[in-house]
PDB file of N, CA and C in Angstrom:
ATOM      1  N   MET A   1     -38.202 143.299-126.928  1.00  0.00           N
ATOM      2  CA  MET A   1     -38.173 144.212-125.800  1.00  0.00           C
ATOM      3  C   MET A   1     -38.845 145.518-126.216  1.00  0.00           C
ATOM      4  N   GLU A   2     -39.745 146.003-125.364  1.00  0.00           N
ATOM      5  CA  GLU A   2     -40.500 147.220-125.647  1.00  0.00           C
ATOM      6  C   GLU A   2     -39.680 148.447-125.251  1.00  0.00           C
ATOM      7  N   LYS A   3     -39.651 149.411-126.152  1.00  0.00           N
ATOM      8  CA  LYS A   3     -38.919 150.647-125.875  1.00  0.00           C
ATOM      9  C   LYS A   3     -39.866 151.637-125.204  1.00  0.00           C
ATOM     10  N   VAL A   4     -39.434 152.199-124.092  1.00  0.00           N
ATOM     11  CA  VAL A   4     -40.251 153.156-123.353  1.00  0.00           C
ATOM     12  C   VAL A   4     -39.768 154.562-123.675  1.00  0.00           C
ATOM     13  N   VAL A   5     -40.696 155.400-124.108  1.00  0.00           N
ATOM     14  CA  VAL A   5     -40.373 156.787-124.422  1.00  0.00           C
ATOM     15  C   VAL A   5     -40.914 157.660-123.299  1.00  0.00           C
ATOM     16  N   VAL A   6     -40.049 158.434-122.707  1.00  0.00           N
ATOM     17  CA  VAL A   6     -40.452 159.330-121.625  1.00  0.00           C
ATOM     18  C   VAL A   6     -40.536 160.736-122.183  1.00  0.00           C
ATOM     19  N   ILE A   7     -41.689 161.333-122.022  1.00  0.00           N
ATOM     20  CA  ILE A   7     -41.881 162.709-122.487  1.00  0.00           C
ATOM     21  C   ILE A   7     -41.980 163.593-121.257  1.00  0.00           C
ATOM     22  N   GLU A   8     -41.054 164.530-121.166  1.00  0.00           N
ATOM     23  CA  GLU A   8     -41.095 165.459-120.039  1.00  0.00           C
ATOM     24  C   GLU A   8     -42.079 166.567-120.346  1.00  0.00           C
ATOM     25  N   LYS A   9     -42.945 166.807-119.416  1.00  0.00           N
ATOM     26  CA  LYS A   9     -43.923 167.870-119.578  1.00  0.00           C
ATOM     27  C   LYS A   9     -43.302 169.161-119.055  1.00  0.00           C
ATOM     28  N   LYS A  10     -43.238 170.135-119.896  1.00  0.00           N
ATOM     29  CA  LYS A  10     -42.668 171.424-119.497  1.00  0.00           C
ATOM     30  C   LYS A  10     -43.685 172.145-118.613  1.00  0.00           C
ATOM     31  N   GLY A  11     -43.215 172.622-117.476  1.00  0.00           N
ATOM     32  CA  GLY A  11     -44.100 173.322-116.552  1.00  0.00           C
ATOM     33  C   GLY A  11     -44.482 174.697-117.082  1.00  0.00           C
ATOM     34  N   ASN A  12     -45.315 175.362-116.336  1.00  0.00           N
ATOM     35  CA  ASN A  12     -45.745 176.708-116.694  1.00  0.00           C
ATOM     36  C   ASN A  12     -44.615 177.682-116.392  1.00  0.00           C
ATOM     37  N   GLU A  13     -43.950 178.153-117.414  1.00  0.00           N
ATOM     38  CA  GLU A  13     -42.812 179.053-117.218  1.00  0.00           C
ATOM     39  C   GLU A  13     -43.228 180.419-116.673  1.00  0.00           C
ATOM     40  N   TYR A  14     -44.528 180.680-116.662  1.00  0.00           N
ATOM     41  CA  TYR A  14     -45.033 181.957-116.174  1.00  0.00           C
ATOM     42  C   TYR A  14     -45.644 181.846-114.778  1.00  0.00           C
ATOM     43  N   LEU A  15     -45.483 180.712-114.146  1.00  0.00           N
ATOM     44  CA  LEU A  15     -45.977 180.534-112.785  1.00  0.00           C
ATOM     45  C   LEU A  15     -44.877 180.964-111.822  1.00  0.00           C
ATOM     46  N   VAL A  16     -45.142 182.005-111.059  1.00  0.00           N
ATOM     47  CA  VAL A  16     -44.166 182.526-110.104  1.00  0.00           C
ATOM     48  C   VAL A  16     -44.528 181.996-108.722  1.00  0.00           C
ATOM     49  N   GLU A  17     -43.642 181.193-108.160  1.00  0.00           N
ATOM     50  CA  GLU A  17     -43.848 180.656-106.824  1.00  0.00           C
ATOM     51  C   GLU A  17     -43.136 181.552-105.818  1.00  0.00           C
ATOM     52  N   PHE A  18     -43.857 181.937-104.794  1.00  0.00           N
ATOM     53  CA  PHE A  18     -43.304 182.826-103.776  1.00  0.00           C
ATOM     54  C   PHE A  18     -42.476 182.031-102.757  1.00  0.00           C
ATOM     55  N   ASN A  19     -41.434 182.662-102.234  1.00  0.00           N
ATOM     56  CA  ASN A  19     -40.595 182.030-101.214  1.00  0.00           C
ATOM     57  C   ASN A  19     -41.358 181.844 -99.912  1.00  0.00           C
ATOM     58  N   LYS A  20     -42.239 182.781 -99.618  1.00  0.00           N
ATOM     59  CA  LYS A  20     -43.060 182.731 -98.413  1.00  0.00           C
ATOM     60  C   LYS A  20     -44.497 183.058 -98.815  1.00  0.00           C
ATOM     61  N   THR A  21     -45.428 182.558 -98.025  1.00  0.00           N
ATOM     62  CA  THR A  21     -46.834 182.872 -98.269  1.00  0.00           C
ATOM     63  C   THR A  21     -47.024 184.386 -98.189  1.00  0.00           C
ATOM     64  N   PHE A  22     -47.751 184.919 -99.148  1.00  0.00           N
ATOM     65  CA  PHE A  22     -48.013 186.361 -99.234  1.00  0.00           C
ATOM     66  C   PHE A  22     -49.485 186.588 -98.938  1.00  0.00           C
ATOM     67  N   ASN A  23     -49.761 187.434 -97.951  1.00  0.00           N
ATOM     68  CA  ASN A  23     -51.138 187.730 -97.589  1.00  0.00           C
ATOM     69  C   ASN A  23     -51.531 189.066 -98.197  1.00  0.00           C
ATOM     70  N   PHE A  24     -52.623 189.044 -98.946  1.00  0.00           N
ATOM     71  CA  PHE A  24     -53.141 190.266 -99.552  1.00  0.00           C
ATOM     72  C   PHE A  24     -54.639 190.310 -99.318  1.00  0.00           C
ATOM     73  N   GLU A  25     -55.074 191.355 -98.658  1.00  0.00           N
ATOM     74  CA  GLU A  25     -56.486 191.567 -98.356  1.00  0.00           C
ATOM     75  C   GLU A  25     -57.134 190.339 -97.717  1.00  0.00           C
ATOM     76  N   GLY A  26     -56.397 189.751 -96.747  1.00  0.00           N
ATOM     77  CA  GLY A  26     -56.939 188.646 -95.975  1.00  0.00           C
ATOM     78  C   GLY A  26     -56.864 187.274 -96.624  1.00  0.00           C
ATOM     79  N   ARG A  27     -56.256 187.199 -97.777  1.00  0.00           N
ATOM     80  CA  ARG A  27     -56.132 185.913 -98.481  1.00  0.00           C
ATOM     81  C   ARG A  27     -54.655 185.585 -98.676  1.00  0.00           C
ATOM     82  N   ASP A  28     -54.296 184.322 -98.464  1.00  0.00           N
ATOM     83  CA  ASP A  28     -52.913 183.885 -98.626  1.00  0.00           C
ATOM     84  C   ASP A  28     -52.644 183.395-100.040  1.00  0.00           C
ATOM     85  N   TYR A  29     -51.480 183.765-100.564  1.00  0.00           N
ATOM     86  CA  TYR A  29     -51.054 183.359-101.904  1.00  0.00           C
ATOM     87  C   TYR A  29     -49.664 182.749-101.816  1.00  0.00           C
ATOM     88  N   ASN A  30     -49.451 181.677-102.560  1.00  0.00           N
ATOM     89  CA  ASN A  30     -48.140 181.040-102.650  1.00  0.00           C
ATOM     90  C   ASN A  30     -47.535 181.176-104.041  1.00  0.00           C
ATOM     91  N   GLU A  31     -48.359 181.660-104.971  1.00  0.00           N
ATOM     92  CA  GLU A  31     -47.921 181.778-106.360  1.00  0.00           C
ATOM     93  C   GLU A  31     -48.843 182.726-107.116  1.00  0.00           C
ATOM     94  N   VAL A  32     -48.387 183.114-108.294  1.00  0.00           N
ATOM     95  CA  VAL A  32     -49.224 183.892-109.210  1.00  0.00           C
ATOM     96  C   VAL A  32     -48.903 183.420-110.625  1.00  0.00           C
ATOM     97  N   ASP A  33     -49.942 183.293-111.431  1.00  0.00           N
ATOM     98  CA  ASP A  33     -49.804 182.797-112.793  1.00  0.00           C
ATOM     99  C   ASP A  33     -49.835 183.964-113.773  1.00  0.00           C
ATOM    100  N   LEU A  34     -48.755 184.122-114.516  1.00  0.00           N
ATOM    101  CA  LEU A  34     -48.642 185.207-115.498  1.00  0.00           C
ATOM    102  C   LEU A  34     -48.764 184.688-116.937  1.00  0.00           C
ATOM    103  N   SER A  35     -49.328 183.497-117.115  1.00  0.00           N
ATOM    104  CA  SER A  35     -49.410 182.909-118.458  1.00  0.00           C
ATOM    105  C   SER A  35     -50.286 183.726-119.403  1.00  0.00           C
ATOM    106  N   GLY A  36     -51.069 184.650-118.864  1.00  0.00           N
ATOM    107  CA  GLY A  36     -51.850 185.553-119.706  1.00  0.00           C
ATOM    108  C   GLY A  36     -50.974 186.437-120.581  1.00  0.00           C
ATOM    109  N   LEU A  37     -49.677 186.481-120.305  1.00  0.00           N
ATOM    110  CA  LEU A  37     -48.751 187.251-121.152  1.00  0.00           C
ATOM    111  C   LEU A  37     -48.864 186.818-122.611  1.00  0.00           C
ATOM    112  N   GLU A  38     -49.081 185.533-122.818  1.00  0.00           N
ATOM    113  CA  GLU A  38     -49.154 184.996-124.179  1.00  0.00           C
ATOM    114  C   GLU A  38     -50.355 185.535-124.952  1.00  0.00           C
ATOM    115  N   ARG A  39     -51.331 186.066-124.248  1.00  0.00           N
ATOM    116  CA  ARG A  39     -52.543 186.574-124.909  1.00  0.00           C
ATOM    117  C   ARG A  39     -52.559 188.099-125.042  1.00  0.00           C
ATOM    118  N   LEU A  40     -51.509 188.768-124.584  1.00  0.00           N
ATOM    119  CA  LEU A  40     -51.464 190.233-124.693  1.00  0.00           C
ATOM    120  C   LEU A  40     -51.499 190.676-126.144  1.00  0.00           C
ATOM    121  N   THR A  41     -52.185 191.777-126.386  1.00  0.00           N
ATOM    122  CA  THR A  41     -52.206 192.378-127.726  1.00  0.00           C
ATOM    123  C   THR A  41     -51.511 193.735-127.668  1.00  0.00           C
ATOM    124  N   THR A  42     -51.257 194.279-128.813  1.00  0.00           N
ATOM    125  CA  THR A  42     -50.660 195.612-128.877  1.00  0.00           C
ATOM    126  C   THR A  42     -51.609 196.639-128.266  1.00  0.00           C
ATOM    127  N   MET A  43     -52.907 196.450-128.434  1.00  0.00           N
ATOM    128  CA  MET A  43     -53.888 197.347-127.817  1.00  0.00           C
ATOM    129  C   MET A  43     -53.775 197.291-126.288  1.00  0.00           C
ATOM    130  N   ASP A  44     -53.532 196.102-125.742  1.00  0.00           N
ATOM    131  CA  ASP A  44     -53.325 195.973-124.294  1.00  0.00           C
ATOM    132  C   ASP A  44     -52.108 196.782-123.847  1.00  0.00           C
ATOM    133  N   LEU A  45     -51.055 196.720-124.642  1.00  0.00           N
ATOM    134  CA  LEU A  45     -49.850 197.484-124.302  1.00  0.00           C
ATOM    135  C   LEU A  45     -50.123 198.982-124.344  1.00  0.00           C
ATOM    136  N   ALA A  46     -50.882 199.420-125.323  1.00  0.00           N
ATOM    137  CA  ALA A  46     -51.242 200.839-125.410  1.00  0.00           C
ATOM    138  C   ALA A  46     -52.062 201.260-124.191  1.00  0.00           C
ATOM    139  N   ARG A  47     -52.977 200.392-123.779  1.00  0.00           N
ATOM    140  CA  ARG A  47     -53.783 200.663-122.590  1.00  0.00           C
ATOM    141  C   ARG A  47     -52.898 200.733-121.342  1.00  0.00           C
ATOM    142  N   ALA A  48     -51.929 199.839-121.243  1.00  0.00           N
ATOM    143  CA  ALA A  48     -50.996 199.839-120.115  1.00  0.00           C
ATOM    144  C   ALA A  48     -50.146 201.105-120.122  1.00  0.00           C
ATOM    145  N   ASP A  49     -49.700 201.520-121.309  1.00  0.00           N
ATOM    146  CA  ASP A  49     -48.924 202.770-121.428  1.00  0.00           C
ATOM    147  C   ASP A  49     -49.729 203.945-120.891  1.00  0.00           C
ATOM    148  N   LYS A  50     -50.987 204.015-121.290  1.00  0.00           N
ATOM    149  CA  LYS A  50     -51.859 205.112-120.865  1.00  0.00           C
ATOM    150  C   LYS A  50     -52.048 205.108-119.347  1.00  0.00           C
ATOM    151  N   MET A  51     -52.255 203.915-118.779  1.00  0.00           N
ATOM    152  CA  MET A  51     -52.404 203.799-117.329  1.00  0.00           C
ATOM    153  C   MET A  51     -51.122 204.227-116.611  1.00  0.00           C
ATOM    154  N   PHE A  52     -49.989 203.795-117.141  1.00  0.00           N
ATOM    155  CA  PHE A  52     -48.687 204.115-116.547  1.00  0.00           C
ATOM    156  C   PHE A  52     -48.457 205.620-116.539  1.00  0.00           C
ATOM    157  N   ILE A  53     -48.702 206.255-117.663  1.00  0.00           N
ATOM    158  CA  ILE A  53     -48.514 207.713-117.780  1.00  0.00           C
ATOM    159  C   ILE A  53     -49.461 208.450-116.844  1.00  0.00           C
ATOM    160  N   SER A  54     -50.685 207.950-116.693  1.00  0.00           N
ATOM    161  CA  SER A  54     -51.676 208.626-115.843  1.00  0.00           C
ATOM    162  C   SER A  54     -51.281 208.623-114.366  1.00  0.00           C
ATOM    163  N   THR A  55     -50.365 207.724-113.988  1.00  0.00           N
ATOM    164  CA  THR A  55     -49.907 207.693-112.599  1.00  0.00           C
ATOM    165  C   THR A  55     -48.804 208.722-112.342  1.00  0.00           C
ATOM    166  N   GLY A  56     -48.363 209.369-113.408  1.00  0.00           N
ATOM    167  CA  GLY A  56     -47.303 210.370-113.268  1.00  0.00           C
ATOM    168  C   GLY A  56     -45.904 209.785-113.344  1.00  0.00           C
ATOM    169  N   GLN A  57     -45.816 208.492-113.604  1.00  0.00           N
ATOM    170  CA  GLN A  57     -44.505 207.849-113.707  1.00  0.00           C
ATOM    171  C   GLN A  57     -43.943 208.053-115.111  1.00  0.00           C
ATOM    172  N   VAL A  58     -42.635 208.092-115.183  1.00  0.00           N
ATOM    173  CA  VAL A  58     -41.951 208.266-116.460  1.00  0.00           C
ATOM    174  C   VAL A  58     -40.799 207.269-116.512  1.00  0.00           C
ATOM    175  N   ALA A  59     -40.584 206.676-117.674  1.00  0.00           N
ATOM    176  CA  ALA A  59     -39.473 205.741-117.847  1.00  0.00           C
ATOM    177  C   ALA A  59     -38.968 205.827-119.279  1.00  0.00           C
ATOM    178  N   MET A  60     -37.680 205.611-119.443  1.00  0.00           N
ATOM    179  CA  MET A  60     -37.109 205.578-120.795  1.00  0.00           C
ATOM    180  C   MET A  60     -37.686 204.393-121.574  1.00  0.00           C
ATOM    181  N   MET A  61     -37.843 203.277-120.877  1.00  0.00           N
ATOM    182  CA  MET A  61     -38.423 202.069-121.480  1.00  0.00           C
ATOM    183  C   MET A  61     -39.448 201.542-120.477  1.00  0.00           C
ATOM    184  N   ASN A  62     -40.711 201.771-120.767  1.00  0.00           N
ATOM    185  CA  ASN A  62     -41.773 201.393-119.833  1.00  0.00           C
ATOM    186  C   ASN A  62     -41.650 199.950-119.359  1.00  0.00           C
ATOM    187  N   GLU A  63     -41.384 199.036-120.272  1.00  0.00           N
ATOM    188  CA  GLU A  63     -41.365 197.615-119.938  1.00  0.00           C
ATOM    189  C   GLU A  63     -40.260 197.229-118.958  1.00  0.00           C
ATOM    190  N   MET A  64     -39.349 198.140-118.683  1.00  0.00           N
ATOM    191  CA  MET A  64     -38.292 197.896-117.699  1.00  0.00           C
ATOM    192  C   MET A  64     -38.601 198.561-116.363  1.00  0.00           C
ATOM    193  N   SER A  65     -39.706 199.255-116.282  1.00  0.00           N
ATOM    194  CA  SER A  65     -40.095 199.976-115.074  1.00  0.00           C
ATOM    195  C   SER A  65     -40.950 199.087-114.171  1.00  0.00           C
ATOM    196  N   THR A  66     -40.670 199.130-112.896  1.00  0.00           N
ATOM    197  CA  THR A  66     -41.441 198.332-111.937  1.00  0.00           C
ATOM    198  C   THR A  66     -42.915 198.713-111.957  1.00  0.00           C
ATOM    199  N   GLY A  67     -43.215 199.981-112.049  1.00  0.00           N
ATOM    200  CA  GLY A  67     -44.606 200.430-112.085  1.00  0.00           C
ATOM    201  C   GLY A  67     -45.362 199.893-113.290  1.00  0.00           C
ATOM    202  N   TYR A  68     -44.729 199.918-114.443  1.00  0.00           N
ATOM    203  CA  TYR A  68     -45.346 199.410-115.675  1.00  0.00           C
ATOM    204  C   TYR A  68     -45.537 197.897-115.584  1.00  0.00           C
ATOM    205  N   VAL A  69     -44.535 197.211-115.066  1.00  0.00           N
ATOM    206  CA  VAL A  69     -44.613 195.761-114.916  1.00  0.00           C
ATOM    207  C   VAL A  69     -45.778 195.372-113.997  1.00  0.00           C
ATOM    208  N   CYS A  70     -46.008 196.147-112.954  1.00  0.00           N
ATOM    209  CA  CYS A  70     -47.143 195.879-112.060  1.00  0.00           C
ATOM    210  C   CYS A  70     -48.467 195.993-112.824  1.00  0.00           C
ATOM    211  N   ILE A  71     -48.561 196.955-113.715  1.00  0.00           N
ATOM    212  CA  ILE A  71     -49.774 197.127-114.524  1.00  0.00           C
ATOM    213  C   ILE A  71     -49.960 195.930-115.456  1.00  0.00           C
ATOM    214  N   ILE A  72     -48.901 195.535-116.140  1.00  0.00           N
ATOM    215  CA  ILE A  72     -48.973 194.381-117.045  1.00  0.00           C
ATOM    216  C   ILE A  72     -49.324 193.114-116.257  1.00  0.00           C
ATOM    217  N   ALA A  73     -48.669 192.912-115.124  1.00  0.00           N
ATOM    218  CA  ALA A  73     -48.938 191.726-114.296  1.00  0.00           C
ATOM    219  C   ALA A  73     -50.407 191.684-113.884  1.00  0.00           C
ATOM    220  N   SER A  74     -50.939 192.838-113.536  1.00  0.00           N
ATOM    221  CA  SER A  74     -52.356 192.931-113.158  1.00  0.00           C
ATOM    222  C   SER A  74     -53.249 192.538-114.339  1.00  0.00           C
ATOM    223  N   MET A  75     -52.918 193.022-115.505  1.00  0.00           N
ATOM    224  CA  MET A  75     -53.718 192.740-116.699  1.00  0.00           C
ATOM    225  C   MET A  75     -53.735 191.248-117.045  1.00  0.00           C
ATOM    226  N   VAL A  76     -52.612 190.576-116.861  1.00  0.00           N
ATOM    227  CA  VAL A  76     -52.519 189.175-117.294  1.00  0.00           C
ATOM    228  C   VAL A  76     -52.908 188.177-116.215  1.00  0.00           C
ATOM    229  N   SER A  77     -53.067 188.643-114.979  1.00  0.00           N
ATOM    230  CA  SER A  77     -53.366 187.721-113.874  1.00  0.00           C
ATOM    231  C   SER A  77     -54.744 187.935-113.263  1.00  0.00           C
ATOM    232  N   ASN A  78     -55.405 189.012-113.664  1.00  0.00           N
ATOM    233  CA  ASN A  78     -56.701 189.372-113.080  1.00  0.00           C
ATOM    234  C   ASN A  78     -56.615 189.649-111.584  1.00  0.00           C
ATOM    235  N   LYS A  79     -55.479 190.160-111.161  1.00  0.00           N
ATOM    236  CA  LYS A  79     -55.305 190.613-109.784  1.00  0.00           C
ATOM    237  C   LYS A  79     -55.086 192.127-109.847  1.00  0.00           C
ATOM    238  N   PRO A  80     -55.457 192.843-108.807  1.00  0.00           N
ATOM    239  CA  PRO A  80     -55.288 194.301-108.854  1.00  0.00           C
ATOM    240  C   PRO A  80     -53.816 194.715-108.846  1.00  0.00           C
ATOM    241  N   VAL A  81     -53.550 195.868-109.392  1.00  0.00           N
ATOM    242  CA  VAL A  81     -52.186 196.413-109.417  1.00  0.00           C
ATOM    243  C   VAL A  81     -51.625 196.455-108.001  1.00  0.00           C
ATOM    244  N   GLU A  82     -52.474 196.769-107.051  1.00  0.00           N
ATOM    245  CA  GLU A  82     -52.045 196.883-105.655  1.00  0.00           C
ATOM    246  C   GLU A  82     -51.480 195.560-105.119  1.00  0.00           C
ATOM    247  N   PHE A  83     -51.961 194.436-105.641  1.00  0.00           N
ATOM    248  CA  PHE A  83     -51.420 193.127-105.260  1.00  0.00           C
ATOM    249  C   PHE A  83     -49.925 193.093-105.560  1.00  0.00           C
ATOM    250  N   PHE A  84     -49.560 193.509-106.753  1.00  0.00           N
ATOM    251  CA  PHE A  84     -48.159 193.461-107.179  1.00  0.00           C
ATOM    252  C   PHE A  84     -47.321 194.540-106.499  1.00  0.00           C
ATOM    253  N   GLN A  85     -47.916 195.675-106.236  1.00  0.00           N
ATOM    254  CA  GLN A  85     -47.204 196.740-105.536  1.00  0.00           C
ATOM    255  C   GLN A  85     -46.905 196.366-104.092  1.00  0.00           C
ATOM    256  N   ALA A  86     -47.711 195.501-103.512  1.00  0.00           N
ATOM    257  CA  ALA A  86     -47.544 195.113-102.111  1.00  0.00           C
ATOM    258  C   ALA A  86     -46.620 193.908-101.920  1.00  0.00           C
ATOM    259  N   LEU A  87     -46.227 193.256-103.004  1.00  0.00           N
ATOM    260  CA  LEU A  87     -45.352 192.091-102.886  1.00  0.00           C
ATOM    261  C   LEU A  87     -44.019 192.467-102.249  1.00  0.00           C
ATOM    262  N   PRO A  88     -43.403 191.536-101.530  1.00  0.00           N
ATOM    263  CA  PRO A  88     -42.029 191.774-101.064  1.00  0.00           C
ATOM    264  C   PRO A  88     -41.129 192.033-102.278  1.00  0.00           C
ATOM    265  N   ALA A  89     -40.114 192.830-102.098  1.00  0.00           N
ATOM    266  CA  ALA A  89     -39.240 193.236-103.207  1.00  0.00           C
ATOM    267  C   ALA A  89     -38.685 192.049-103.988  1.00  0.00           C
ATOM    268  N   LYS A  90     -38.267 191.008-103.293  1.00  0.00           N
ATOM    269  CA  LYS A  90     -37.689 189.847-103.970  1.00  0.00           C
ATOM    270  C   LYS A  90     -38.688 189.200-104.923  1.00  0.00           C
ATOM    271  N   GLU A  91     -39.951 189.135-104.510  1.00  0.00           N
ATOM    272  CA  GLU A  91     -40.990 188.563-105.367  1.00  0.00           C
ATOM    273  C   GLU A  91     -41.313 189.510-106.529  1.00  0.00           C
ATOM    274  N   GLY A  92     -41.284 190.800-106.245  1.00  0.00           N
ATOM    275  CA  GLY A  92     -41.507 191.802-107.285  1.00  0.00           C
ATOM    276  C   GLY A  92     -40.459 191.719-108.384  1.00  0.00           C
ATOM    277  N   ILE A  93     -39.227 191.476-107.991  1.00  0.00           N
ATOM    278  CA  ILE A  93     -38.149 191.344-108.983  1.00  0.00           C
ATOM    279  C   ILE A  93     -38.351 190.094-109.831  1.00  0.00           C
ATOM    280  N   LYS A  94     -38.850 189.014-109.237  1.00  0.00           N
ATOM    281  CA  LYS A  94     -39.145 187.803-110.024  1.00  0.00           C
ATOM    282  C   LYS A  94     -40.177 188.128-111.105  1.00  0.00           C
ATOM    283  N   ILE A  95     -41.221 188.847-110.698  1.00  0.00           N
ATOM    284  CA  ILE A  95     -42.289 189.231-111.633  1.00  0.00           C
ATOM    285  C   ILE A  95     -41.709 190.115-112.737  1.00  0.00           C
ATOM    286  N   LYS A  96     -40.923 191.100-112.325  1.00  0.00           N
ATOM    287  CA  LYS A  96     -40.334 192.040-113.287  1.00  0.00           C
ATOM    288  C   LYS A  96     -39.437 191.312-114.281  1.00  0.00           C
ATOM    289  N   THR A  97     -38.648 190.378-113.807  1.00  0.00           N
ATOM    290  CA  THR A  97     -37.741 189.629-114.678  1.00  0.00           C
ATOM    291  C   THR A  97     -38.512 188.812-115.709  1.00  0.00           C
ATOM    292  N   ILE A  98     -39.554 188.128-115.268  1.00  0.00           N
ATOM    293  CA  ILE A  98     -40.341 187.308-116.194  1.00  0.00           C
ATOM    294  C   ILE A  98     -41.018 188.163-117.256  1.00  0.00           C
ATOM    295  N   ILE A  99     -41.612 189.263-116.837  1.00  0.00           N
ATOM    296  CA  ILE A  99     -42.339 190.113-117.802  1.00  0.00           C
ATOM    297  C   ILE A  99     -41.377 190.822-118.744  1.00  0.00           C
ATOM    298  N   SER A 100     -40.309 191.392-118.216  1.00  0.00           N
ATOM    299  CA  SER A 100     -39.327 192.073-119.082  1.00  0.00           C
ATOM    300  C   SER A 100     -38.707 191.088-120.060  1.00  0.00           C
ATOM    301  N   SER A 101     -38.387 189.893-119.593  1.00  0.00           N
ATOM    302  CA  SER A 101     -37.815 188.872-120.465  1.00  0.00           C
ATOM    303  C   SER A 101     -38.806 188.445-121.550  1.00  0.00           C
ATOM    304  N   PHE A 102     -40.078 188.376-121.189  1.00  0.00           N
ATOM    305  CA  PHE A 102     -41.103 188.005-122.165  1.00  0.00           C
ATOM    306  C   PHE A 102     -41.078 188.967-123.354  1.00  0.00           C
ATOM    307  N   PHE A 103     -40.937 190.250-123.077  1.00  0.00           N
ATOM    308  CA  PHE A 103     -40.967 191.247-124.153  1.00  0.00           C
ATOM    309  C   PHE A 103     -39.731 191.186-125.050  1.00  0.00           C
ATOM    310  N   TYR A 104     -38.624 190.682-124.549  1.00  0.00           N
ATOM    311  CA  TYR A 104     -37.388 190.712-125.323  1.00  0.00           C
ATOM    312  C   TYR A 104     -36.893 189.344-125.784  1.00  0.00           C
ATOM    313  N   ASN A 105     -37.675 188.305-125.584  1.00  0.00           N
ATOM    314  CA  ASN A 105     -37.272 186.970-126.059  1.00  0.00           C
ATOM    315  C   ASN A 105     -38.185 186.481-127.145  1.00  0.00           C
TER     316      ASN A 105
END
């Protein structure tokens, strides 16, 4: 009797699926891929810090700030910061949770 081995393929843990279609600049989106997080460098973080500060925002821990998370999300997804700023709050929190968790896990 032949033994069958089933290998489960782990999905993209950085793929954020939206509850509802999100329209941004005339285009509909159902998801956003943040897998670029794995390629971030310390120089990227320094660049994000500089961008965050230039907006006049201040945070005790940048990586926990919604504004900073929008900048990081933009960097790793090749979508403009405004895309993330325009998301419904519930979707924004999903993005924030994934990015903040990435930095601390």
